[in-house]
């Protein structure tokens, strides 16, 4: 698992004065299903975005031949 540093994730959005972001990362294994860690990190990033006034619109996982949208499968809006 690669560490995620919340300030580094939001820094480009803050510098661009963005009001929202779409997060994207890949799974080298090719499996686009979100791991428990993916879900936890997404919730933490969503919460941080709320504090910063930057909406996390979606988090997409890219894998071999496809992708999974956490928003589409209902894992983004839950608190």
N, C-alpha and C. Protein backbone atom coordinates (compact mmCIF):
# COMPACT_ATOMS: atom_id res chain seq x y z
N UNK A 1 0.84 -1.18 0.00
CA UNK A 1 0.00 0.00 0.00
C UNK A 1 0.89 1.24 0.00
N UNK A 2 0.56 2.17 -0.85
CA UNK A 2 1.28 3.44 -0.94
C UNK A 2 0.67 4.44 0.03
N UNK A 3 1.50 5.13 0.82
CA UNK A 3 0.94 6.12 1.75
C UNK A 3 0.29 7.28 1.00
N UNK A 4 -0.76 7.82 1.61
CA UNK A 4 -1.47 8.96 1.03
C UNK A 4 -1.32 10.13 1.99
N UNK A 5 -0.79 11.24 1.49
CA UNK A 5 -0.61 12.44 2.29
C UNK A 5 -1.68 13.45 1.87
N UNK A 6 -2.66 13.63 2.73
CA UNK A 6 -3.81 14.47 2.40
C UNK A 6 -3.41 15.86 1.91
N UNK A 7 -2.47 16.56 2.57
CA UNK A 7 -2.10 17.88 2.05
C UNK A 7 -1.59 17.84 0.60
N UNK A 8 -0.83 16.81 0.27
CA UNK A 8 -0.30 16.69 -1.10
C UNK A 8 -1.41 16.41 -2.11
N UNK A 9 -2.44 15.68 -1.69
CA UNK A 9 -3.55 15.40 -2.59
C UNK A 9 -4.29 16.69 -2.95
N UNK A 10 -4.51 17.54 -1.95
CA UNK A 10 -5.31 18.74 -2.16
C UNK A 10 -4.50 19.96 -2.61
N UNK A 11 -3.18 19.90 -2.51
CA UNK A 11 -2.36 21.07 -2.84
C UNK A 11 -2.63 21.61 -4.25
N UNK A 12 -2.65 20.77 -5.30
CA UNK A 12 -2.93 21.32 -6.64
C UNK A 12 -4.32 21.96 -6.73
N UNK A 13 -5.30 21.37 -6.06
CA UNK A 13 -6.66 21.93 -6.08
C UNK A 13 -6.70 23.28 -5.38
N UNK A 14 -6.00 23.39 -4.27
CA UNK A 14 -5.95 24.65 -3.53
C UNK A 14 -5.27 25.72 -4.38
N UNK A 15 -4.14 25.37 -4.97
CA UNK A 15 -3.40 26.33 -5.80
C UNK A 15 -4.21 26.78 -7.02
N UNK A 16 -5.07 25.89 -7.52
CA UNK A 16 -5.90 26.22 -8.68
C UNK A 16 -7.23 26.86 -8.28
N UNK A 17 -7.42 27.02 -6.96
CA UNK A 17 -8.68 27.58 -6.45
C UNK A 17 -9.87 26.75 -6.92
N UNK A 18 -9.69 25.42 -6.93
CA UNK A 18 -10.74 24.50 -7.39
C UNK A 18 -11.82 24.34 -6.32
N UNK A 19 -13.03 24.13 -6.77
CA UNK A 19 -14.13 23.89 -5.84
C UNK A 19 -14.45 22.41 -5.71
N UNK A 20 -13.86 21.59 -6.59
CA UNK A 20 -14.09 20.15 -6.54
C UNK A 20 -12.93 19.40 -7.19
N UNK A 21 -12.85 18.11 -6.87
CA UNK A 21 -11.82 17.24 -7.45
C UNK A 21 -12.42 15.88 -7.76
N UNK A 22 -11.81 15.19 -8.70
CA UNK A 22 -12.08 13.78 -8.95
C UNK A 22 -10.76 13.07 -8.71
N UNK A 23 -10.76 12.14 -7.78
CA UNK A 23 -9.55 11.39 -7.45
C UNK A 23 -9.47 10.15 -8.34
N UNK A 24 -8.27 9.82 -8.78
CA UNK A 24 -8.06 8.64 -9.62
C UNK A 24 -6.77 7.97 -9.20
N UNK A 25 -6.81 6.65 -9.08
CA UNK A 25 -5.57 5.91 -8.87
C UNK A 25 -5.70 4.55 -9.55
N UNK A 26 -4.57 3.88 -9.72
CA UNK A 26 -4.60 2.59 -10.39
C UNK A 26 -4.29 1.46 -9.42
N UNK A 27 -4.76 0.28 -9.77
CA UNK A 27 -4.39 -0.95 -9.08
C UNK A 27 -3.53 -1.76 -10.05
N UNK A 28 -2.24 -1.85 -9.80
CA UNK A 28 -1.37 -2.60 -10.70
C UNK A 28 -1.79 -4.06 -10.88
N UNK A 29 -2.53 -4.60 -9.89
CA UNK A 29 -3.01 -5.98 -9.99
C UNK A 29 -4.04 -6.12 -11.11
N UNK A 30 -4.64 -4.99 -11.52
CA UNK A 30 -5.68 -5.03 -12.55
C UNK A 30 -7.08 -5.12 -11.99
N UNK A 31 -7.22 -5.48 -10.71
CA UNK A 31 -8.53 -5.60 -10.06
C UNK A 31 -9.03 -4.20 -9.70
N UNK A 32 -10.17 -3.82 -10.22
CA UNK A 32 -10.69 -2.47 -9.96
C UNK A 32 -11.60 -2.39 -8.74
N UNK A 33 -11.79 -3.49 -8.05
CA UNK A 33 -12.61 -3.44 -6.84
C UNK A 33 -11.88 -2.67 -5.75
N UNK A 34 -12.59 -1.76 -5.05
CA UNK A 34 -11.94 -0.99 -3.99
C UNK A 34 -11.62 -1.87 -2.78
N UNK A 35 -10.43 -1.68 -2.25
CA UNK A 35 -10.05 -2.38 -1.02
C UNK A 35 -10.64 -1.63 0.17
N UNK A 36 -10.59 -2.25 1.34
CA UNK A 36 -11.04 -1.57 2.56
C UNK A 36 -10.23 -0.30 2.77
N UNK A 37 -8.94 -0.36 2.46
CA UNK A 37 -8.08 0.82 2.59
C UNK A 37 -8.51 1.91 1.62
N UNK A 38 -8.84 1.54 0.38
CA UNK A 38 -9.33 2.52 -0.59
C UNK A 38 -10.56 3.24 -0.05
N UNK A 39 -11.47 2.49 0.53
CA UNK A 39 -12.72 3.06 1.05
C UNK A 39 -12.43 3.98 2.22
N UNK A 40 -11.56 3.55 3.13
CA UNK A 40 -11.21 4.37 4.30
C UNK A 40 -10.52 5.67 3.86
N UNK A 41 -9.56 5.57 2.97
CA UNK A 41 -8.84 6.76 2.50
C UNK A 41 -9.79 7.70 1.77
N UNK A 42 -10.70 7.15 0.98
CA UNK A 42 -11.67 7.98 0.27
C UNK A 42 -12.51 8.78 1.25
N UNK A 43 -12.97 8.13 2.31
CA UNK A 43 -13.78 8.83 3.31
C UNK A 43 -12.97 9.92 4.01
N UNK A 44 -11.71 9.63 4.31
CA UNK A 44 -10.86 10.65 4.94
C UNK A 44 -10.61 11.83 4.01
N UNK A 45 -10.39 11.53 2.74
CA UNK A 45 -10.18 12.60 1.76
C UNK A 45 -11.46 13.41 1.56
N UNK A 46 -12.59 12.74 1.54
CA UNK A 46 -13.87 13.45 1.41
C UNK A 46 -14.07 14.39 2.59
N UNK A 47 -13.79 13.89 3.80
CA UNK A 47 -13.94 14.72 5.01
C UNK A 47 -12.98 15.90 5.00
N UNK A 48 -11.74 15.66 4.57
CA UNK A 48 -10.76 16.76 4.47
C UNK A 48 -11.22 17.78 3.44
N UNK A 49 -11.75 17.30 2.33
CA UNK A 49 -12.26 18.20 1.31
C UNK A 49 -13.39 19.08 1.82
N UNK A 50 -14.26 18.51 2.65
CA UNK A 50 -15.34 19.31 3.24
C UNK A 50 -14.78 20.44 4.08
N UNK A 51 -13.75 20.16 4.86
CA UNK A 51 -13.12 21.18 5.70
C UNK A 51 -12.51 22.27 4.83
N UNK A 52 -11.90 21.87 3.72
CA UNK A 52 -11.23 22.81 2.82
C UNK A 52 -12.19 23.52 1.85
N UNK A 53 -13.42 23.06 1.81
CA UNK A 53 -14.37 23.63 0.85
C UNK A 53 -14.16 23.12 -0.57
N UNK A 54 -13.59 21.91 -0.67
CA UNK A 54 -13.34 21.28 -1.97
C UNK A 54 -14.08 19.95 -2.00
N UNK A 55 -15.10 19.86 -2.83
CA UNK A 55 -15.90 18.64 -2.90
C UNK A 55 -15.15 17.53 -3.64
N UNK A 56 -15.14 16.34 -3.04
CA UNK A 56 -14.62 15.16 -3.73
C UNK A 56 -15.81 14.58 -4.51
N UNK A 57 -15.81 14.81 -5.82
CA UNK A 57 -16.93 14.42 -6.67
C UNK A 57 -16.95 12.91 -6.90
N UNK A 58 -15.78 12.31 -7.06
CA UNK A 58 -15.69 10.87 -7.31
C UNK A 58 -14.27 10.41 -7.01
N UNK A 59 -14.13 9.12 -6.85
CA UNK A 59 -12.82 8.47 -6.73
C UNK A 59 -12.90 7.26 -7.64
N UNK A 60 -12.05 7.25 -8.66
CA UNK A 60 -12.08 6.21 -9.68
C UNK A 60 -10.83 5.35 -9.56
N UNK A 61 -11.04 4.04 -9.61
CA UNK A 61 -9.92 3.09 -9.58
C UNK A 61 -9.79 2.51 -10.99
N UNK A 62 -8.59 2.63 -11.54
CA UNK A 62 -8.29 2.14 -12.88
C UNK A 62 -7.58 0.79 -12.76
N UNK A 63 -7.98 -0.15 -13.59
CA UNK A 63 -7.34 -1.46 -13.60
C UNK A 63 -7.29 -2.00 -15.01
N UNK A 64 -6.91 -3.24 -15.11
CA UNK A 64 -6.78 -3.87 -16.42
C UNK A 64 -8.14 -3.91 -17.13
N UNK A 65 -8.23 -3.14 -18.19
CA UNK A 65 -9.43 -3.18 -19.02
C UNK A 65 -10.66 -2.51 -18.45
N UNK A 66 -10.52 -1.73 -17.38
CA UNK A 66 -11.73 -1.10 -16.86
C UNK A 66 -11.46 -0.15 -15.71
N UNK A 67 -12.56 0.25 -15.08
CA UNK A 67 -12.47 1.17 -13.95
C UNK A 67 -13.67 0.96 -13.04
N UNK A 68 -13.56 1.44 -11.81
CA UNK A 68 -14.67 1.44 -10.86
C UNK A 68 -14.78 2.82 -10.25
N UNK A 69 -15.98 3.36 -10.27
CA UNK A 69 -16.28 4.65 -9.67
C UNK A 69 -16.88 4.40 -8.29
N UNK A 70 -16.23 4.91 -7.24
CA UNK A 70 -16.77 4.73 -5.90
C UNK A 70 -18.10 5.45 -5.74
N UNK A 71 -18.29 6.53 -6.47
CA UNK A 71 -19.58 7.23 -6.43
C UNK A 71 -20.67 6.34 -7.02
N UNK A 72 -20.40 5.75 -8.16
CA UNK A 72 -21.39 4.92 -8.84
C UNK A 72 -21.81 3.73 -8.00
N UNK A 73 -20.88 3.14 -7.26
CA UNK A 73 -21.23 1.97 -6.45
C UNK A 73 -21.66 2.35 -5.04
N UNK A 74 -21.84 3.65 -4.80
CA UNK A 74 -22.42 4.11 -3.53
C UNK A 74 -21.47 4.21 -2.36
N UNK A 75 -20.17 4.29 -2.62
CA UNK A 75 -19.21 4.34 -1.52
C UNK A 75 -18.60 5.71 -1.29
N UNK A 76 -19.11 6.73 -1.96
CA UNK A 76 -18.53 8.06 -1.78
C UNK A 76 -19.36 8.94 -0.85
N UNK A 77 -20.66 8.85 -0.95
CA UNK A 77 -21.51 9.76 -0.20
C UNK A 77 -21.81 9.36 1.23
N UNK A 78 -21.41 8.15 1.63
CA UNK A 78 -21.72 7.67 2.97
C UNK A 78 -20.80 8.29 3.99
N UNK A 79 -21.36 8.65 5.13
CA UNK A 79 -20.55 9.19 6.24
C UNK A 79 -20.28 8.10 7.23
